[in-house]
Amino acid sequence: MSPTWTGVIPAVTTPFAPDGSVDYGLFAHHVRWLLAHGCSGLILAGSLGEGATLEPGEKLRLLEVALQEAGDRAPVILSLSGLSTRQILELLRAAEELGADGFMLLPPYVYRPDEREMHRYVQTVLEATTRPVMLYNNPIAYGTDVHPETLARWASDFPHLEAVKESSGDVRRITALRTLLGDRMRVLVGIDDLIVEGVRAGACGWVAGLANALPRESVLLFERARQGAPLEGLYAWFLPLLRLDTDPKFVQLIKLVQEIVGVGSARVRPPRQELTEPERARVWELVSRALSTRPRLLEEMTP
């Protein structure tokens, strides 16, 4: 399927078995569950998916499983990341053979390119594929900031650069992108606790983290924000959970929420370690409070 880059698209977590291997059976179940609860696409092996600790073969197997489970219901997007351009090109070619619907391109790991180097990197990857591509702009995590004016130039050169996951934390970036590019490029919010402000500034999609644990709630919040409908306490209720996505331990935190609500495992791959007992207790208290104070909007939803 060709991505529309709209709606709630989870950055899917990667479940691990007790021995540290990828649990592809649990992953398949999770994919089915996310799509059954209204998510409009899937992004694999990104930051939340612990892509930096996955081997290329593991990423490709995740892609195979997700494509099989998604069928023609939703597009499956593979994150392209690595230490070198060569690594990324090899992953891209293999993913194309498997049928990836599109790609999310991350900046290079470790090395922080200047503008000239970043342009060459993006150009090389985009010239190697005709599949739709979304650029991931996250200067907070990766130290590389693609400004709206630069993105506008790239958009004129590469028609299949169709979207940007904007995670600078500055909602004014969305306004600037919309002003420069109009409908030429889709803008997606990449930080959970900025979703309402981002949609009101013109974003058309949400690359969501907490959607891994609470997809129905995420879809409802996004749709009401997009429609300009009253939120009736929904955003205020959700915000303490959405802010977990902004913590340095966001992977561990979101996976623990999944475990608490019964849709995943808190296991992570080293060098990450599972949360300490005081950290776990804080999340348990947060989730328990949220589940016991659900707004009426959520209580009225069909399970």
C-alpha atoms as a PDB file:
ATOM      1  CA  MET A   1       0.000   0.000   0.000  1.00  0.00           C
ATOM      2  CA  SER A   2       1.125   3.531  -0.661  1.00  0.00           C
ATOM      3  CA  PRO A   3       1.329   5.485   2.605  1.00  0.00           C
ATOM      4  CA  THR A   4      -1.028   8.437   3.044  1.00  0.00           C
ATOM      5  CA  TRP A   5       1.001   9.689   6.038  1.00  0.00           C
ATOM      6  CA  THR A   6      -2.183  10.555   7.920  1.00  0.00           C
ATOM      7  CA  GLY A   7      -3.819   9.416  11.129  1.00  0.00           C
ATOM      8  CA  VAL A   8      -2.183   7.617  14.040  1.00  0.00           C
ATOM      9  CA  ILE A   9       0.850   5.609  12.941  1.00  0.00           C
ATOM     10  CA  PRO A  10       2.539   3.873  15.879  1.00  0.00           C
ATOM     11  CA  ALA A  11       6.296   3.664  16.111  1.00  0.00           C
ATOM     12  CA  VAL A  12       5.933  -0.015  16.921  1.00  0.00           C
ATOM     13  CA  THR A  13       7.880  -1.436  19.843  1.00  0.00           C
ATOM     14  CA  THR A  14       9.939  -4.593  19.387  1.00  0.00           C
ATOM     15  CA  PRO A  15       9.120  -7.365  21.880  1.00  0.00           C
ATOM     16  CA  PHE A  16      11.876  -9.610  23.199  1.00  0.00           C
ATOM     17  CA  ALA A  17      11.819 -13.138  24.580  1.00  0.00           C
ATOM     18  CA  PRO A  18      13.504 -13.943  27.931  1.00  0.00           C
ATOM     19  CA  ASP A  19      16.687 -14.954  26.083  1.00  0.00           C
ATOM     20  CA  GLY A  20      16.910 -11.555  24.380  1.00  0.00           C
ATOM     21  CA  SER A  21      15.820 -12.703  20.926  1.00  0.00           C
ATOM     22  CA  VAL A  22      12.997 -10.950  19.093  1.00  0.00           C
ATOM     23  CA  ASP A  23       9.598 -12.422  19.937  1.00  0.00           C
ATOM     24  CA  TYR A  24       8.085 -12.474  16.451  1.00  0.00           C
ATOM     25  CA  GLY A  25       4.912 -14.222  17.637  1.00  0.00           C
ATOM     26  CA  LEU A  26       4.124 -11.468  20.130  1.00  0.00           C
ATOM     27  CA  PHE A  27       5.049  -8.885  17.514  1.00  0.00           C
ATOM     28  CA  ALA A  28       2.559 -10.381  15.041  1.00  0.00           C
ATOM     29  CA  HIS A  29      -0.179 -10.294  17.683  1.00  0.00           C
ATOM     30  CA  HIS A  30       0.672  -6.681  18.497  1.00  0.00           C
ATOM     31  CA  VAL A  31       0.475  -5.638  14.850  1.00  0.00           C
ATOM     32  CA  ARG A  32      -2.971  -7.206  14.486  1.00  0.00           C
ATOM     33  CA  TRP A  33      -4.148  -5.538  17.687  1.00  0.00           C
ATOM     34  CA  LEU A  34      -2.929  -2.065  16.688  1.00  0.00           C
ATOM     35  CA  LEU A  35      -4.636  -2.223  13.310  1.00  0.00           C
ATOM     36  CA  ALA A  36      -7.845  -3.571  14.843  1.00  0.00           C
ATOM     37  CA  HIS A  37      -7.956  -0.499  17.082  1.00  0.00           C
ATOM     38  CA  GLY A  38      -7.801   2.093  14.322  1.00  0.00           C
ATOM     39  CA  CYS A  39      -4.127   2.761  13.619  1.00  0.00           C
ATOM     40  CA  SER A  40      -3.547   3.816  10.011  1.00  0.00           C
ATOM     41  CA  GLY A  41      -0.046   2.446   9.466  1.00  0.00           C
ATOM     42  CA  LEU A  42       3.008   0.942  11.136  1.00  0.00           C
ATOM     43  CA  ILE A  43       6.573   2.202  11.500  1.00  0.00           C
ATOM     44  CA  LEU A  44       9.116  -0.484  12.379  1.00  0.00           C
ATOM     45  CA  ALA A  45      12.581  -0.457  13.931  1.00  0.00           C
ATOM     46  CA  GLY A  46      12.658   3.227  14.796  1.00  0.00           C
ATOM     47  CA  SER A  47      13.939   4.775  18.009  1.00  0.00           C
ATOM     48  CA  LEU A  48      11.075   3.366  20.076  1.00  0.00           C
ATOM     49  CA  GLY A  49      11.449   0.075  18.216  1.00  0.00           C
ATOM     50  CA  GLU A  50      15.059  -0.118  19.471  1.00  0.00           C
ATOM     51  CA  GLY A  51      16.341  -0.096  15.911  1.00  0.00           C
ATOM     52  CA  ALA A  52      19.855   0.763  17.047  1.00  0.00           C
ATOM     53  CA  THR A  53      20.154  -2.634  18.768  1.00  0.00           C
ATOM     54  CA  LEU A  54      18.534  -4.717  16.014  1.00  0.00           C
ATOM     55  CA  GLU A  55      20.528  -6.643  13.439  1.00  0.00           C
ATOM     56  CA  PRO A  56      19.608  -6.074   9.768  1.00  0.00           C
ATOM     57  CA  GLY A  57      18.197  -9.587   9.564  1.00  0.00           C
ATOM     58  CA  GLU A  58      15.959  -8.931  12.561  1.00  0.00           C
ATOM     59  CA  LYS A  59      14.639  -5.731  10.991  1.00  0.00           C
ATOM     60  CA  LEU A  60      13.858  -7.560   7.769  1.00  0.00           C
ATOM     61  CA  ARG A  61      12.094 -10.370   9.599  1.00  0.00           C
ATOM     62  CA  LEU A  62       9.977  -7.806  11.488  1.00  0.00           C
ATOM     63  CA  LEU A  63       9.114  -6.306   8.113  1.00  0.00           C
ATOM     64  CA  GLU A  64       8.087  -9.688   6.725  1.00  0.00           C
ATOM     65  CA  VAL A  65       5.846 -10.404   9.697  1.00  0.00           C
ATOM     66  CA  ALA A  66       4.240  -6.963   9.654  1.00  0.00           C
ATOM     67  CA  LEU A  67       3.554  -7.120   5.915  1.00  0.00           C
ATOM     68  CA  GLN A  68       1.939 -10.519   6.305  1.00  0.00           C
ATOM     69  CA  GLU A  69      -0.252  -9.386   9.204  1.00  0.00           C
ATOM     70  CA  ALA A  70      -1.177  -6.005   7.737  1.00  0.00           C
ATOM     71  CA  GLY A  71      -2.071  -7.296   4.280  1.00  0.00           C
ATOM     72  CA  ASP A  72      -3.930  -4.560   2.446  1.00  0.00           C
ATOM     73  CA  ARG A  73      -5.234  -2.916   5.629  1.00  0.00           C
ATOM     74  CA  ALA A  74      -2.390  -0.468   6.268  1.00  0.00           C
ATOM     75  CA  PRO A  75       1.057   0.496   4.940  1.00  0.00           C
ATOM     76  CA  VAL A  76       4.175  -0.844   6.625  1.00  0.00           C
ATOM     77  CA  ILE A  77       7.092   1.588   6.871  1.00  0.00           C
ATOM     78  CA  LEU A  78      10.627   0.468   7.726  1.00  0.00           C
ATOM     79  CA  SER A  79      13.014   2.847   9.459  1.00  0.00           C
ATOM     80  CA  LEU A  80      16.330   3.298   7.684  1.00  0.00           C
ATOM     81  CA  SER A  81      19.147   3.838  10.155  1.00  0.00           C
ATOM     82  CA  GLY A  82      22.762   2.871  10.591  1.00  0.00           C
ATOM     83  CA  LEU A  83      26.323   3.991  11.057  1.00  0.00           C
ATOM     84  CA  SER A  84      27.064   4.361   7.354  1.00  0.00           C
ATOM     85  CA  THR A  85      25.249   5.188   4.161  1.00  0.00           C
ATOM     86  CA  ARG A  86      26.331   1.820   2.786  1.00  0.00           C
ATOM     87  CA  GLN A  87      24.592  -0.031   5.623  1.00  0.00           C
ATOM     88  CA  ILE A  88      21.404   1.888   5.001  1.00  0.00           C
ATOM     89  CA  LEU A  89      21.456   1.236   1.255  1.00  0.00           C
ATOM     90  CA  GLU A  90      21.888  -2.494   1.837  1.00  0.00           C
ATOM     91  CA  LEU A  91      18.934  -2.519   4.218  1.00  0.00           C
ATOM     92  CA  LEU A  92      16.839  -0.488   1.788  1.00  0.00           C
ATOM     93  CA  ARG A  93      17.455  -2.864  -1.138  1.00  0.00           C
ATOM     94  CA  ALA A  94      16.595  -5.927   0.929  1.00  0.00           C
ATOM     95  CA  ALA A  95      13.458  -4.261   2.297  1.00  0.00           C
ATOM     96  CA  GLU A  96      12.307  -3.327  -1.198  1.00  0.00           C
ATOM     97  CA  GLU A  97      12.587  -6.957  -2.251  1.00  0.00           C
ATOM     98  CA  LEU A  98      10.346  -7.937   0.651  1.00  0.00           C
ATOM     99  CA  GLY A  99       7.764  -5.328  -0.336  1.00  0.00           C
ATOM    100  CA  ALA A 100       8.161  -2.467   2.147  1.00  0.00           C
ATOM    101  CA  ASP A 101       5.500   0.151   1.443  1.00  0.00           C
ATOM    102  CA  GLY A 102       7.826   3.021   2.293  1.00  0.00           C
ATOM    103  CA  PHE A 103      10.659   4.192   4.497  1.00  0.00           C
ATOM    104  CA  MET A 104      11.397   6.559   7.345  1.00  0.00           C
ATOM    105  CA  LEU A 105      14.917   7.957   6.958  1.00  0.00           C
ATOM    106  CA  LEU A 106      16.830   8.769  10.137  1.00  0.00           C
ATOM    107  CA  PRO A 107      20.024  10.851  10.336  1.00  0.00           C
ATOM    108  CA  PRO A 108      23.239   8.812  10.554  1.00  0.00           C
ATOM    109  CA  TYR A 109      24.010   7.318  13.934  1.00  0.00           C
ATOM    110  CA  VAL A 110      26.893   8.810  15.951  1.00  0.00           C
ATOM    111  CA  TYR A 111      28.314  11.149  13.303  1.00  0.00           C
ATOM    112  CA  ARG A 112      26.564  14.493  13.043  1.00  0.00           C
ATOM    113  CA  PRO A 113      26.814  15.688   9.441  1.00  0.00           C
ATOM    114  CA  ASP A 114      26.869  19.343   8.443  1.00  0.00           C
ATOM    115  CA  GLU A 115      24.318  20.631   5.932  1.00  0.00           C
ATOM    116  CA  ARG A 116      26.388  19.659   2.886  1.00  0.00           C
ATOM    117  CA  GLU A 117      26.981  16.139   4.187  1.00  0.00           C
ATOM    118  CA  MET A 118      23.367  15.713   5.217  1.00  0.00           C
ATOM    119  CA  HIS A 119      22.204  16.773   1.754  1.00  0.00           C
ATOM    120  CA  ARG A 120      24.490  14.229   0.127  1.00  0.00           C
ATOM    121  CA  TYR A 121      23.314  11.520   2.525  1.00  0.00           C
ATOM    122  CA  VAL A 122      19.633  12.200   1.843  1.00  0.00           C
ATOM    123  CA  GLN A 123      20.253  12.501  -1.890  1.00  0.00           C
ATOM    124  CA  THR A 124      22.087   9.163  -2.036  1.00  0.00           C
ATOM    125  CA  VAL A 125      19.319   7.309  -0.219  1.00  0.00           C
ATOM    126  CA  LEU A 126      16.485   8.930  -2.147  1.00  0.00           C
ATOM    127  CA  GLU A 127      18.154   8.238  -5.485  1.00  0.00           C
ATOM    128  CA  ALA A 128      18.343   4.552  -4.526  1.00  0.00           C
ATOM    129  CA  THR A 129      14.570   4.103  -4.230  1.00  0.00           C
ATOM    130  CA  THR A 130      11.297   5.196  -5.754  1.00  0.00           C
ATOM    131  CA  ARG A 131       9.270   4.183  -2.701  1.00  0.00           C
ATOM    132  CA  PRO A 132       7.695   6.936  -0.576  1.00  0.00           C
ATOM    133  CA  VAL A 133      10.011   8.320   2.096  1.00  0.00           C
ATOM    134  CA  MET A 134       9.420  10.267   5.305  1.00  0.00           C
ATOM    135  CA  LEU A 135      12.340  12.167   6.815  1.00  0.00           C
ATOM    136  CA  TYR A 136      12.746  11.963  10.583  1.00  0.00           C
ATOM    137  CA  ASN A 137      13.849  15.317  11.975  1.00  0.00           C
ATOM    138  CA  ASN A 138      14.839  14.929  15.622  1.00  0.00           C
ATOM    139  CA  PRO A 139      17.648  17.333  16.530  1.00  0.00           C
ATOM    140  CA  ILE A 140      17.084  16.646  20.241  1.00  0.00           C
ATOM    141  CA  ALA A 141      18.065  12.986  19.906  1.00  0.00           C
ATOM    142  CA  TYR A 142      20.381  12.986  16.884  1.00  0.00           C
ATOM    143  CA  GLY A 143      21.953  16.450  16.874  1.00  0.00           C
ATOM    144  CA  THR A 144      21.074  17.030  13.215  1.00  0.00           C
ATOM    145  CA  ASP A 145      18.448  19.670  12.509  1.00  0.00           C
ATOM    146  CA  VAL A 146      16.832  19.937   9.082  1.00  0.00           C
ATOM    147  CA  HIS A 147      15.291  23.399   8.858  1.00  0.00           C
ATOM    148  CA  PRO A 148      12.073  24.023   6.918  1.00  0.00           C
ATOM    149  CA  GLU A 149      13.879  25.921   4.155  1.00  0.00           C
ATOM    150  CA  THR A 150      16.256  22.994   3.596  1.00  0.00           C
ATOM    151  CA  LEU A 151      13.395  20.524   3.541  1.00  0.00           C
ATOM    152  CA  ALA A 152      11.566  22.674   1.008  1.00  0.00           C
ATOM    153  CA  ARG A 153      14.588  22.513  -1.327  1.00  0.00           C
ATOM    154  CA  TRP A 154      14.797  18.743  -0.996  1.00  0.00           C
ATOM    155  CA  ALA A 155      11.078  18.421  -1.628  1.00  0.00           C
ATOM    156  CA  SER A 156      11.484  20.180  -4.978  1.00  0.00           C
ATOM    157  CA  ASP A 157      14.254  17.776  -5.985  1.00  0.00           C
ATOM    158  CA  PHE A 158      12.723  14.508  -4.782  1.00  0.00           C
ATOM    159  CA  PRO A 159       8.997  13.978  -5.447  1.00  0.00           C
ATOM    160  CA  HIS A 160       8.904  10.779  -3.385  1.00  0.00           C
ATOM    161  CA  LEU A 161      10.106  12.628  -0.272  1.00  0.00           C
ATOM    162  CA  GLU A 162       6.508  12.864   0.831  1.00  0.00           C
ATOM    163  CA  ALA A 163       6.521  13.539   4.565  1.00  0.00           C
ATOM    164  CA  VAL A 164       8.465  14.644   7.608  1.00  0.00           C
ATOM    165  CA  LYS A 165       8.215  13.394  11.169  1.00  0.00           C
ATOM    166  CA  GLU A 166       8.838  16.660  13.000  1.00  0.00           C
ATOM    167  CA  SER A 167      10.300  16.131  16.462  1.00  0.00           C
ATOM    168  CA  SER A 168      12.122  19.377  17.130  1.00  0.00           C
ATOM    169  CA  GLY A 169       9.689  20.160  19.936  1.00  0.00           C
ATOM    170  CA  ASP A 170       8.858  23.528  18.372  1.00  0.00           C
ATOM    171  CA  VAL A 171       5.304  23.704  17.078  1.00  0.00           C
ATOM    172  CA  ARG A 172       6.310  26.760  15.012  1.00  0.00           C
ATOM    173  CA  ARG A 173       8.215  24.376  12.744  1.00  0.00           C
ATOM    174  CA  ILE A 174       4.914  22.874  11.638  1.00  0.00           C
ATOM    175  CA  THR A 175       3.577  26.324  10.787  1.00  0.00           C
ATOM    176  CA  ALA A 176       6.741  27.135   8.842  1.00  0.00           C
ATOM    177  CA  LEU A 177       6.610  23.872   6.904  1.00  0.00           C
ATOM    178  CA  ARG A 178       2.971  24.396   6.016  1.00  0.00           C
ATOM    179  CA  THR A 179       3.719  27.953   4.890  1.00  0.00           C
ATOM    180  CA  LEU A 180       6.622  26.903   2.672  1.00  0.00           C
ATOM    181  CA  LEU A 181       5.223  23.645   1.328  1.00  0.00           C
ATOM    182  CA  GLY A 182       1.450  23.787   1.647  1.00  0.00           C
ATOM    183  CA  ASP A 183       0.079  20.351   0.791  1.00  0.00           C
ATOM    184  CA  ARG A 184       3.240  19.287  -1.046  1.00  0.00           C
ATOM    185  CA  MET A 185       4.562  17.478   2.032  1.00  0.00           C
ATOM    186  CA  ARG A 186       2.763  15.780   4.879  1.00  0.00           C
ATOM    187  CA  VAL A 187       3.810  16.897   8.351  1.00  0.00           C
ATOM    188  CA  LEU A 188       3.489  14.414  11.214  1.00  0.00           C
ATOM    189  CA  VAL A 189       3.916  15.109  14.908  1.00  0.00           C
ATOM    190  CA  GLY A 190       6.692  12.999  16.407  1.00  0.00           C
ATOM    191  CA  ILE A 191       6.364  13.931  20.089  1.00  0.00           C
ATOM    192  CA  ASP A 192       3.355  12.560  21.947  1.00  0.00           C
ATOM    193  CA  ASP A 193       2.633  15.505  24.239  1.00  0.00           C
ATOM    194  CA  LEU A 194       2.613  17.954  21.316  1.00  0.00           C
ATOM    195  CA  ILE A 195      -0.120  16.229  19.343  1.00  0.00           C
ATOM    196  CA  VAL A 196      -3.058  18.604  19.877  1.00  0.00           C
ATOM    197  CA  GLU A 197      -0.947  21.714  19.321  1.00  0.00           C
ATOM    198  CA  GLY A 198       0.678  20.090  16.293  1.00  0.00           C
ATOM    199  CA  VAL A 199      -2.606  19.131  14.658  1.00  0.00           C
ATOM    200  CA  ARG A 200      -3.992  22.614  15.238  1.00  0.00           C
ATOM    201  CA  ALA A 201      -0.882  24.021  13.541  1.00  0.00           C
ATOM    202  CA  GLY A 202      -1.556  21.884  10.471  1.00  0.00           C
ATOM    203  CA  ALA A 203      -0.038  18.433  11.068  1.00  0.00           C
ATOM    204  CA  CYS A 204      -2.000  15.636   9.409  1.00  0.00           C
ATOM    205  CA  GLY A 205      -0.547  12.631  11.209  1.00  0.00           C
ATOM    206  CA  TRP A 206       0.959  11.390  14.449  1.00  0.00           C
ATOM    207  CA  VAL A 207       3.892   9.003  14.771  1.00  0.00           C
ATOM    208  CA  ALA A 208       2.762   7.868  18.189  1.00  0.00           C
ATOM    209  CA  GLY A 209       4.455   6.135  21.100  1.00  0.00           C
ATOM    210  CA  LEU A 210       1.750   5.558  23.711  1.00  0.00           C
ATOM    211  CA  ALA A 211      -0.473   4.222  20.929  1.00  0.00           C
ATOM    212  CA  ASN A 212       1.409   0.955  21.475  1.00  0.00           C
ATOM    213  CA  ALA A 213      -0.481   0.609  24.758  1.00  0.00           C
ATOM    214  CA  LEU A 214      -3.542   2.812  24.217  1.00  0.00           C
ATOM    215  CA  PRO A 215      -4.361   2.906  20.495  1.00  0.00           C
ATOM    216  CA  ARG A 216      -8.101   3.575  20.781  1.00  0.00           C
ATOM    217  CA  GLU A 217      -7.451   6.506  23.106  1.00  0.00           C
ATOM    218  CA  SER A 218      -4.771   7.833  20.751  1.00  0.00           C
ATOM    219  CA  VAL A 219      -7.006   7.600  17.693  1.00  0.00           C
ATOM    220  CA  LEU A 220      -9.872   9.334  19.502  1.00  0.00           C
ATOM    221  CA  LEU A 221      -7.639  12.178  20.677  1.00  0.00           C
ATOM    222  CA  PHE A 222      -6.159  12.654  17.209  1.00  0.00           C
ATOM    223  CA  GLU A 223      -9.516  12.604  15.440  1.00  0.00           C
ATOM    224  CA  ARG A 224     -11.135  15.074  17.821  1.00  0.00           C
ATOM    225  CA  ALA A 225      -8.166  17.404  17.542  1.00  0.00           C
ATOM    226  CA  ARG A 226      -8.235  17.151  13.742  1.00  0.00           C
ATOM    227  CA  GLN A 227     -11.960  17.867  13.625  1.00  0.00           C
ATOM    228  CA  GLY A 228     -11.698  20.768  16.049  1.00  0.00           C
ATOM    229  CA  ALA A 229     -14.134  18.976  18.358  1.00  0.00           C
ATOM    230  CA  PRO A 230     -14.216  19.597  22.121  1.00  0.00           C
ATOM    231  CA  LEU A 231     -11.680  17.438  23.898  1.00  0.00           C
ATOM    232  CA  GLU A 232     -13.797  17.297  27.080  1.00  0.00           C
ATOM    233  CA  GLY A 233     -10.891  16.531  29.367  1.00  0.00           C
ATOM    234  CA  LEU A 234      -9.388  13.867  27.119  1.00  0.00           C
ATOM    235  CA  TYR A 235      -6.087  15.670  26.486  1.00  0.00           C
ATOM    236  CA  ALA A 236      -5.616  16.628  30.140  1.00  0.00           C
ATOM    237  CA  TRP A 237      -6.305  13.008  31.121  1.00  0.00           C
ATOM    238  CA  PHE A 238      -3.844  11.649  28.558  1.00  0.00           C
ATOM    239  CA  LEU A 239      -1.025  14.181  29.025  1.00  0.00           C
ATOM    240  CA  PRO A 240       0.725  12.574  32.026  1.00  0.00           C
ATOM    241  CA  LEU A 241       1.008   9.363  30.008  1.00  0.00           C
ATOM    242  CA  LEU A 242       1.977  11.103  26.770  1.00  0.00           C
ATOM    243  CA  ARG A 243       4.829  12.854  28.570  1.00  0.00           C
ATOM    244  CA  LEU A 244       6.474   9.468  29.133  1.00  0.00           C
ATOM    245  CA  ASP A 245       7.440   9.715  25.439  1.00  0.00           C
ATOM    246  CA  THR A 246       9.705  12.677  26.214  1.00  0.00           C
ATOM    247  CA  ASP A 247      11.766  10.978  28.935  1.00  0.00           C
ATOM    248  CA  PRO A 248      15.254   9.625  28.093  1.00  0.00           C
ATOM    249  CA  LYS A 249      13.939   6.201  29.165  1.00  0.00           C
ATOM    250  CA  PHE A 250      10.895   6.489  26.901  1.00  0.00           C
ATOM    251  CA  VAL A 251      11.420   2.972  25.515  1.00  0.00           C
ATOM    252  CA  GLN A 252      11.387   1.341  28.951  1.00  0.00           C
ATOM    253  CA  LEU A 253       8.483   3.519  30.106  1.00  0.00           C
ATOM    254  CA  ILE A 254       6.212   2.860  27.148  1.00  0.00           C
ATOM    255  CA  LYS A 255       6.990  -0.857  27.158  1.00  0.00           C
ATOM    256  CA  LEU A 256       6.113  -0.992  30.853  1.00  0.00           C
ATOM    257  CA  VAL A 257       2.761   0.687  30.151  1.00  0.00           C
ATOM    258  CA  GLN A 258       2.161  -1.991  27.518  1.00  0.00           C
ATOM    259  CA  GLU A 259       2.911  -4.694  30.073  1.00  0.00           C
ATOM    260  CA  ILE A 260       0.617  -3.099  32.662  1.00  0.00           C
ATOM    261  CA  VAL A 261      -2.345  -2.954  30.282  1.00  0.00           C
ATOM    262  CA  GLY A 262      -1.634  -6.494  29.057  1.00  0.00           C
ATOM    263  CA  VAL A 263      -0.434  -5.902  25.487  1.00  0.00           C
ATOM    264  CA  GLY A 264       3.298  -6.445  25.630  1.00  0.00           C
ATOM    265  CA  SER A 265       6.425  -7.033  27.639  1.00  0.00           C
ATOM    266  CA  ALA A 266       8.672  -4.576  29.469  1.00  0.00           C
ATOM    267  CA  ARG A 267      11.800  -6.403  28.288  1.00  0.00           C
ATOM    268  CA  VAL A 268      14.382  -4.239  26.512  1.00  0.00           C
ATOM    269  CA  ARG A 269      17.649  -5.033  24.810  1.00  0.00           C
ATOM    270  CA  PRO A 270      20.947  -3.976  26.446  1.00  0.00           C
ATOM    271  CA  PRO A 271      22.529  -1.568  26.959  1.00  0.00           C
ATOM    272  CA  ARG A 272      19.039  -0.519  28.074  1.00  0.00           C
ATOM    273  CA  GLN A 273      17.925  -2.109  31.328  1.00  0.00           C
ATOM    274  CA  GLU A 274      14.429  -2.490  32.687  1.00  0.00           C
ATOM    275  CA  LEU A 275      13.290   0.139  35.147  1.00  0.00           C
ATOM    276  CA  THR A 276      14.150   0.034  38.839  1.00  0.00           C
ATOM    277  CA  GLU A 277      11.426  -0.777  41.346  1.00  0.00           C
ATOM    278  CA  PRO A 278      10.897   2.888  42.320  1.00  0.00           C
ATOM    279  CA  GLU A 279      10.619   3.790  38.637  1.00  0.00           C
ATOM    280  CA  ARG A 280       8.208   0.948  37.994  1.00  0.00           C
ATOM    281  CA  ALA A 281       6.100   1.950  40.993  1.00  0.00           C
ATOM    282  CA  ARG A 282       5.790   5.493  39.666  1.00  0.00           C
ATOM    283  CA  VAL A 283       4.551   4.233  36.289  1.00  0.00           C
ATOM    284  CA  TRP A 284       2.167   1.740  37.888  1.00  0.00           C
ATOM    285  CA  GLU A 285       0.665   4.544  39.978  1.00  0.00           C
ATOM    286  CA  LEU A 286       0.360   6.797  36.920  1.00  0.00           C
ATOM    287  CA  VAL A 287      -1.335   4.133  34.806  1.00  0.00           C
ATOM    288  CA  SER A 288      -3.605   2.965  37.617  1.00  0.00           C
ATOM    289  CA  ARG A 289      -4.775   6.531  38.223  1.00  0.00           C
ATOM    290  CA  ALA A 290      -5.427   7.025  34.513  1.00  0.00           C
ATOM    291  CA  LEU A 291      -7.393   3.812  34.140  1.00  0.00           C
ATOM    292  CA  SER A 292      -9.567   4.665  37.135  1.00  0.00           C
ATOM    293  CA  THR A 293     -10.354   8.208  35.960  1.00  0.00           C
ATOM    294  CA  ARG A 294     -11.132   7.672  32.298  1.00  0.00           C
ATOM    295  CA  PRO A 295     -13.147  10.537  30.774  1.00  0.00           C
ATOM    296  CA  ARG A 296     -16.720   9.840  29.764  1.00  0.00           C
ATOM    297  CA  LEU A 297     -15.682   9.997  26.105  1.00  0.00           C
ATOM    298  CA  LEU A 298     -13.586   6.887  26.622  1.00  0.00           C
ATOM    299  CA  GLU A 299     -16.156   5.067  28.694  1.00  0.00           C
ATOM    300  CA  GLU A 300     -18.668   5.536  25.887  1.00  0.00           C
ATOM    301  CA  MET A 301     -16.359   3.963  23.298  1.00  0.00           C
ATOM    302  CA  THR A 302     -17.203   0.495  22.080  1.00  0.00           C
ATOM    303  CA  PRO A 303     -14.544  -1.956  23.349  1.00  0.00           C
END
